[in-house]
Protein backbone atom coordinates (compact mmCIF):
# COMPACT_ATOMS: atom_id res chain seq x y z
CA UNK A 1 -16.78 9.90 3.67
CA UNK A 2 -19.83 11.55 5.12
CA UNK A 3 -22.19 9.54 2.90
CA UNK A 4 -20.36 6.25 3.27
CA UNK A 5 -19.41 6.34 6.92
CA UNK A 6 -20.70 9.13 9.08
CA UNK A 7 -24.33 9.23 7.95
CA UNK A 8 -24.76 5.45 8.08
CA UNK A 9 -22.83 4.44 11.20
CA UNK A 10 -23.56 4.70 14.91
CA UNK A 11 -20.58 6.22 16.64
CA UNK A 12 -20.38 5.71 20.40
CA UNK A 13 -17.18 7.42 21.55
CA UNK A 14 -13.92 8.82 20.23
CA UNK A 15 -12.16 5.44 20.30
CA UNK A 16 -15.02 3.94 18.30
CA UNK A 17 -14.74 6.76 15.75
CA UNK A 18 -10.98 6.20 15.42
CA UNK A 19 -11.38 2.45 14.92
CA UNK A 20 -14.14 2.81 12.33
CA UNK A 21 -12.30 5.57 10.49
CA UNK A 22 -9.09 3.51 10.35
CA UNK A 23 -11.05 0.53 8.98
CA UNK A 24 -12.76 2.79 6.43
CA UNK A 25 -9.42 4.19 5.23
CA UNK A 26 -8.02 0.68 4.78
CA UNK A 27 -10.98 -0.50 2.66
CA UNK A 28 -11.50 2.69 0.61
CA UNK A 29 -9.75 3.18 -2.75
CA UNK A 30 -7.57 6.31 -2.80
CA UNK A 31 -7.01 8.47 -5.85
CA UNK A 32 -3.39 9.02 -4.80
CA UNK A 33 -2.89 5.22 -4.92
CA UNK A 34 -4.21 4.88 -8.48
CA UNK A 35 -7.69 4.17 -7.08
CA UNK A 36 -6.53 1.07 -5.21
CA UNK A 37 -7.05 0.27 -1.56
CA UNK A 38 -3.92 0.63 0.59
CA UNK A 39 -3.63 -3.17 0.89
CA UNK A 40 -3.96 -3.69 -2.87
CA UNK A 41 -1.43 -0.95 -3.58
CA UNK A 42 1.05 -2.46 -1.11
CA UNK A 43 0.64 -5.87 -2.78
CA UNK A 44 1.24 -4.22 -6.17
CA UNK A 45 4.43 -2.57 -4.93
CA UNK A 46 5.71 -5.78 -3.36
CA UNK A 47 5.15 -7.69 -6.59
CA UNK A 48 7.01 -5.00 -8.56
CA UNK A 49 9.92 -5.10 -6.11
CA UNK A 50 10.11 -8.90 -6.32
CA UNK A 51 10.00 -8.77 -10.12
CA UNK A 52 12.73 -6.14 -10.12
CA UNK A 53 14.87 -8.29 -7.79
CA UNK A 54 14.45 -11.31 -10.08
CA UNK A 55 15.36 -9.42 -13.23
CA UNK A 56 18.32 -7.65 -11.61
CA UNK A 57 19.80 -10.99 -10.52
CA UNK A 58 19.70 -12.15 -14.16
CA UNK A 59 21.74 -9.22 -15.40
CA UNK A 60 25.50 -9.76 -15.63
CA UNK A 61 27.42 -8.04 -12.88
CA UNK A 62 30.56 -6.21 -13.79
CA UNK A 63 33.36 -6.58 -11.32
CA UNK A 64 36.31 -4.25 -11.41
CA UNK A 65 39.67 -6.00 -11.76
CA UNK A 66 41.79 -6.22 -8.62
CA UNK A 67 44.61 -3.75 -8.43
CA UNK A 68 47.88 -4.84 -7.24
């Protein structure tokens, strides 16, 4: 972060630092996210959820018989 952001960027005040740091964290790949950016990881998760929803709707649903 120091090499990519702090050494190369003019920082004017604390609000400017917060805004630039937030933007940096959005664009930077994270090792905890399998080296994807947060936006790319979120898109990956959404696509997996949608795929899971599609495949689960294709599975037969077992309904218990009514008692009575």
